[in-house]
Amino acid sequence: MGKVFRDGDAFVRFERRSDGDVVAWQAACNTSGASVIVLETRLEVGADVSSSVVGCAPDALAADDALTSFMETDPQWSLSARRLTLRSGKQVRSFDEA
């Protein structure tokens, strides 16, 4: 299943697959994912982002869209103990290993 990191209902999940590594994420409703290359300090998220399409409340959809936009910026990452921190510009998102 890979490594899962959570922040409340939101999550980021990393998986190693024979055809390439994958990252998936969800803020509130829909799950999105893409290929990923984990570099020393940055995630290189592929342009092949796909998402589930579930009828979500407007605020949940906005949260999902915001996290997808954030992940598409190829954020910097750091891991301290069991806490994953992602940074892009002034935006910071933190998740604890599940």
N, C-alpha and C. Protein backbone atom coordinates (compact mmCIF):
# COMPACT_ATOMS: atom_id res chain seq x y z
N MET A 1 0.82 -1.20 0.00
CA MET A 1 0.00 0.00 0.00
C MET A 1 0.86 1.26 0.00
N GLY A 2 2.06 1.22 0.52
CA GLY A 2 2.91 2.39 0.52
C GLY A 2 2.80 3.18 1.81
N LYS A 3 3.35 4.38 1.79
CA LYS A 3 3.33 5.27 2.97
C LYS A 3 2.14 6.22 2.87
N VAL A 4 1.41 6.33 3.98
CA VAL A 4 0.26 7.24 4.05
C VAL A 4 0.53 8.26 5.14
N PHE A 5 0.27 9.52 4.83
CA PHE A 5 0.40 10.63 5.76
C PHE A 5 -0.95 11.34 5.82
N ARG A 6 -1.42 11.68 7.03
CA ARG A 6 -2.74 12.26 7.22
C ARG A 6 -2.68 13.59 7.98
N ASP A 7 -3.67 14.42 7.65
CA ASP A 7 -3.95 15.64 8.40
C ASP A 7 -5.47 15.72 8.49
N GLY A 8 -6.03 15.20 9.57
CA GLY A 8 -7.49 15.10 9.67
C GLY A 8 -7.99 14.14 8.60
N ASP A 9 -8.93 14.61 7.78
CA ASP A 9 -9.46 13.78 6.70
C ASP A 9 -8.57 13.79 5.46
N ALA A 10 -7.68 14.77 5.37
CA ALA A 10 -6.80 14.88 4.20
C ALA A 10 -5.68 13.86 4.29
N PHE A 11 -5.21 13.41 3.13
CA PHE A 11 -4.08 12.48 3.13
C PHE A 11 -3.23 12.65 1.89
N VAL A 12 -1.99 12.18 2.00
CA VAL A 12 -1.07 12.02 0.88
C VAL A 12 -0.53 10.61 1.00
N ARG A 13 -0.53 9.86 -0.10
CA ARG A 13 -0.07 8.46 -0.09
C ARG A 13 0.95 8.27 -1.21
N PHE A 14 2.06 7.63 -0.87
CA PHE A 14 3.11 7.33 -1.84
C PHE A 14 3.16 5.83 -2.05
N GLU A 15 3.26 5.41 -3.31
CA GLU A 15 3.36 3.99 -3.64
C GLU A 15 4.47 3.76 -4.65
N ARG A 16 5.21 2.68 -4.44
CA ARG A 16 6.20 2.23 -5.43
C ARG A 16 5.53 1.16 -6.29
N ARG A 17 5.59 1.33 -7.58
CA ARG A 17 5.02 0.36 -8.51
C ARG A 17 6.07 -0.03 -9.53
N SER A 18 5.88 -1.17 -10.14
CA SER A 18 6.85 -1.64 -11.13
C SER A 18 6.95 -0.69 -12.33
N ASP A 19 5.87 0.03 -12.62
CA ASP A 19 5.88 0.95 -13.76
C ASP A 19 6.14 2.40 -13.36
N GLY A 20 6.55 2.63 -12.11
CA GLY A 20 6.89 3.98 -11.66
C GLY A 20 6.19 4.34 -10.37
N ASP A 21 6.77 5.27 -9.64
CA ASP A 21 6.20 5.69 -8.36
C ASP A 21 4.98 6.58 -8.58
N VAL A 22 4.05 6.53 -7.59
CA VAL A 22 2.78 7.25 -7.69
C VAL A 22 2.53 7.97 -6.37
N VAL A 23 1.94 9.15 -6.46
CA VAL A 23 1.47 9.86 -5.28
C VAL A 23 -0.03 10.10 -5.46
N ALA A 24 -0.79 9.90 -4.39
CA ALA A 24 -2.23 10.18 -4.39
C ALA A 24 -2.51 11.12 -3.24
N TRP A 25 -3.58 11.91 -3.36
CA TRP A 25 -3.94 12.85 -2.31
C TRP A 25 -5.44 13.10 -2.31
N GLN A 26 -5.91 13.53 -1.17
CA GLN A 26 -7.32 13.89 -1.01
C GLN A 26 -7.40 14.91 0.11
N ALA A 27 -8.17 15.96 -0.11
CA ALA A 27 -8.39 16.95 0.95
C ALA A 27 -9.70 16.68 1.67
N ALA A 28 -10.76 16.37 0.90
CA ALA A 28 -12.06 16.24 1.54
C ALA A 28 -12.99 15.23 0.86
N CYS A 29 -12.91 15.06 -0.44
CA CYS A 29 -13.92 14.27 -1.13
C CYS A 29 -13.34 13.39 -2.24
N ASN A 30 -12.78 14.00 -3.26
CA ASN A 30 -12.24 13.26 -4.39
C ASN A 30 -10.76 12.93 -4.17
N THR A 31 -10.36 11.78 -4.66
CA THR A 31 -8.96 11.38 -4.61
C THR A 31 -8.31 11.69 -5.95
N SER A 32 -7.14 12.30 -5.91
CA SER A 32 -6.37 12.61 -7.11
C SER A 32 -5.03 11.92 -7.00
N GLY A 33 -4.35 11.79 -8.13
CA GLY A 33 -3.05 11.16 -8.11
C GLY A 33 -2.30 11.40 -9.40
N ALA A 34 -1.01 11.08 -9.36
CA ALA A 34 -0.16 11.26 -10.53
C ALA A 34 1.12 10.47 -10.31
N SER A 35 1.88 10.35 -11.38
CA SER A 35 3.22 9.80 -11.23
C SER A 35 4.05 10.80 -10.44
N VAL A 36 5.10 10.31 -9.79
CA VAL A 36 5.93 11.22 -9.00
C VAL A 36 7.38 10.73 -9.03
N ILE A 37 8.27 11.68 -9.04
CA ILE A 37 9.69 11.41 -8.82
C ILE A 37 10.05 12.13 -7.53
N VAL A 38 10.51 11.37 -6.55
CA VAL A 38 10.88 11.95 -5.26
C VAL A 38 12.36 12.31 -5.32
N LEU A 39 12.62 13.60 -5.43
CA LEU A 39 13.98 14.10 -5.45
C LEU A 39 14.43 14.38 -4.02
N GLU A 40 15.66 14.78 -3.83
CA GLU A 40 16.21 14.97 -2.48
C GLU A 40 15.38 15.93 -1.64
N THR A 41 14.92 17.03 -2.22
CA THR A 41 14.15 18.01 -1.44
C THR A 41 12.85 18.45 -2.11
N ARG A 42 12.50 17.81 -3.22
CA ARG A 42 11.33 18.25 -3.98
C ARG A 42 10.60 17.05 -4.57
N LEU A 43 9.27 17.18 -4.65
CA LEU A 43 8.47 16.18 -5.36
C LEU A 43 8.24 16.67 -6.77
N GLU A 44 8.56 15.86 -7.75
CA GLU A 44 8.29 16.20 -9.14
C GLU A 44 7.03 15.44 -9.54
N VAL A 45 5.88 16.11 -9.43
CA VAL A 45 4.58 15.50 -9.69
C VAL A 45 4.32 15.56 -11.19
N GLY A 46 3.97 14.41 -11.77
CA GLY A 46 3.74 14.33 -13.20
C GLY A 46 2.54 15.13 -13.67
N ALA A 47 2.53 15.42 -14.95
CA ALA A 47 1.41 16.16 -15.54
C ALA A 47 0.20 15.26 -15.76
N ASP A 48 0.34 13.97 -15.42
CA ASP A 48 -0.73 12.99 -15.66
C ASP A 48 -1.71 12.90 -14.49
N VAL A 49 -2.05 14.05 -13.88
CA VAL A 49 -2.95 14.07 -12.72
C VAL A 49 -4.34 13.59 -13.15
N SER A 50 -4.87 12.67 -12.36
CA SER A 50 -6.24 12.21 -12.58
C SER A 50 -6.97 12.27 -11.24
N SER A 51 -8.29 12.37 -11.31
CA SER A 51 -9.10 12.49 -10.09
C SER A 51 -10.36 11.66 -10.20
N SER A 52 -10.83 11.20 -9.04
CA SER A 52 -12.15 10.59 -9.01
C SER A 52 -13.17 11.72 -9.19
N VAL A 53 -14.37 11.36 -9.59
CA VAL A 53 -15.41 12.36 -9.81
C VAL A 53 -16.62 11.95 -8.98
N VAL A 54 -16.67 12.50 -7.76
CA VAL A 54 -17.75 12.23 -6.84
C VAL A 54 -18.48 13.54 -6.62
N GLY A 55 -19.80 13.49 -6.53
CA GLY A 55 -20.55 14.71 -6.25
C GLY A 55 -20.22 15.21 -4.86
N CYS A 56 -19.46 16.29 -4.79
CA CYS A 56 -18.99 16.81 -3.51
C CYS A 56 -19.70 18.13 -3.20
N ALA A 57 -19.79 18.41 -1.92
CA ALA A 57 -20.27 19.73 -1.51
C ALA A 57 -19.28 20.78 -2.02
N PRO A 58 -19.75 21.99 -2.31
CA PRO A 58 -18.84 23.01 -2.87
C PRO A 58 -17.59 23.27 -2.03
N ASP A 59 -17.70 23.28 -0.70
CA ASP A 59 -16.52 23.54 0.11
C ASP A 59 -15.53 22.37 0.06
N ALA A 60 -16.03 21.14 -0.02
CA ALA A 60 -15.16 19.97 -0.15
C ALA A 60 -14.46 19.97 -1.50
N LEU A 61 -15.20 20.30 -2.54
CA LEU A 61 -14.61 20.36 -3.89
C LEU A 61 -13.53 21.44 -3.94
N ALA A 62 -13.78 22.58 -3.30
CA ALA A 62 -12.78 23.66 -3.27
C ALA A 62 -11.52 23.22 -2.54
N ALA A 63 -11.68 22.47 -1.45
CA ALA A 63 -10.52 21.97 -0.71
C ALA A 63 -9.72 20.99 -1.56
N ASP A 64 -10.42 20.09 -2.27
CA ASP A 64 -9.73 19.15 -3.15
C ASP A 64 -8.99 19.88 -4.26
N ASP A 65 -9.64 20.85 -4.87
CA ASP A 65 -9.01 21.62 -5.96
C ASP A 65 -7.77 22.36 -5.45
N ALA A 66 -7.86 22.91 -4.24
CA ALA A 66 -6.72 23.65 -3.68
C ALA A 66 -5.53 22.73 -3.43
N LEU A 67 -5.80 21.53 -2.90
CA LEU A 67 -4.70 20.59 -2.66
C LEU A 67 -4.11 20.11 -3.98
N THR A 68 -4.94 19.88 -4.99
CA THR A 68 -4.43 19.47 -6.30
C THR A 68 -3.55 20.57 -6.89
N SER A 69 -4.01 21.81 -6.83
CA SER A 69 -3.20 22.92 -7.34
C SER A 69 -1.87 23.00 -6.62
N PHE A 70 -1.90 22.79 -5.30
CA PHE A 70 -0.68 22.81 -4.50
C PHE A 70 0.27 21.69 -4.93
N MET A 71 -0.25 20.48 -5.09
CA MET A 71 0.60 19.34 -5.47
C MET A 71 1.20 19.54 -6.87
N GLU A 72 0.49 20.22 -7.74
CA GLU A 72 0.97 20.45 -9.11
C GLU A 72 2.13 21.43 -9.15
N THR A 73 2.45 22.10 -8.03
CA THR A 73 3.57 23.05 -8.00
C THR A 73 4.91 22.36 -7.75
N ASP A 74 4.91 21.02 -7.65
CA ASP A 74 6.14 20.28 -7.35
C ASP A 74 6.74 20.78 -6.03
N PRO A 75 5.99 20.61 -4.93
CA PRO A 75 6.43 21.19 -3.66
C PRO A 75 7.73 20.61 -3.13
N GLN A 76 8.40 21.41 -2.31
CA GLN A 76 9.55 20.92 -1.55
C GLN A 76 9.00 20.03 -0.45
N TRP A 77 9.81 19.06 -0.03
CA TRP A 77 9.35 18.18 1.04
C TRP A 77 10.45 17.98 2.07
N SER A 78 9.99 17.70 3.29
CA SER A 78 10.92 17.28 4.33
C SER A 78 10.17 16.32 5.25
N LEU A 79 10.93 15.44 5.87
CA LEU A 79 10.36 14.45 6.78
C LEU A 79 11.13 14.54 8.09
N SER A 80 10.42 14.82 9.16
CA SER A 80 11.01 14.91 10.48
C SER A 80 10.23 13.97 11.38
N ALA A 81 10.93 12.96 11.88
CA ALA A 81 10.27 11.88 12.64
C ALA A 81 9.20 11.28 11.73
N ARG A 82 7.95 11.45 12.05
CA ARG A 82 6.86 10.87 11.25
C ARG A 82 5.99 11.95 10.64
N ARG A 83 6.53 13.16 10.52
CA ARG A 83 5.76 14.30 9.99
C ARG A 83 6.32 14.74 8.64
N LEU A 84 5.46 14.67 7.62
CA LEU A 84 5.79 15.11 6.27
C LEU A 84 5.35 16.56 6.13
N THR A 85 6.28 17.42 5.73
CA THR A 85 5.95 18.83 5.48
C THR A 85 6.20 19.12 4.02
N LEU A 86 5.20 19.70 3.36
CA LEU A 86 5.29 20.11 1.96
C LEU A 86 5.21 21.62 1.91
N ARG A 87 6.10 22.23 1.10
CA ARG A 87 6.14 23.69 0.99
C ARG A 87 6.16 24.10 -0.47
N SER A 88 5.39 25.15 -0.76
CA SER A 88 5.42 25.75 -2.08
C SER A 88 5.17 27.25 -1.89
N GLY A 89 6.18 28.03 -2.14
CA GLY A 89 6.05 29.47 -1.87
C GLY A 89 5.78 29.66 -0.39
N LYS A 90 4.72 30.40 -0.06
CA LYS A 90 4.36 30.64 1.33
C LYS A 90 3.40 29.58 1.88
N GLN A 91 2.95 28.68 1.03
CA GLN A 91 2.02 27.63 1.48
C GLN A 91 2.79 26.47 2.10
N VAL A 92 2.29 26.02 3.25
CA VAL A 92 2.87 24.87 3.94
C VAL A 92 1.76 23.92 4.33
N ARG A 93 1.93 22.65 4.01
CA ARG A 93 0.97 21.61 4.40
C ARG A 93 1.75 20.53 5.15
N SER A 94 1.23 20.11 6.30
CA SER A 94 1.90 19.07 7.10
C SER A 94 0.96 17.91 7.32
N PHE A 95 1.53 16.71 7.28
CA PHE A 95 0.79 15.47 7.42
C PHE A 95 1.58 14.52 8.33
N ASP A 96 0.88 13.79 9.18
CA ASP A 96 1.52 12.82 10.06
C ASP A 96 1.39 11.42 9.48
N GLU A 97 2.45 10.63 9.61
CA GLU A 97 2.41 9.26 9.10
C GLU A 97 1.31 8.47 9.80
N ALA A 98 0.51 7.81 9.01
CA ALA A 98 -0.63 7.04 9.55
C ALA A 98 -0.16 5.67 10.03
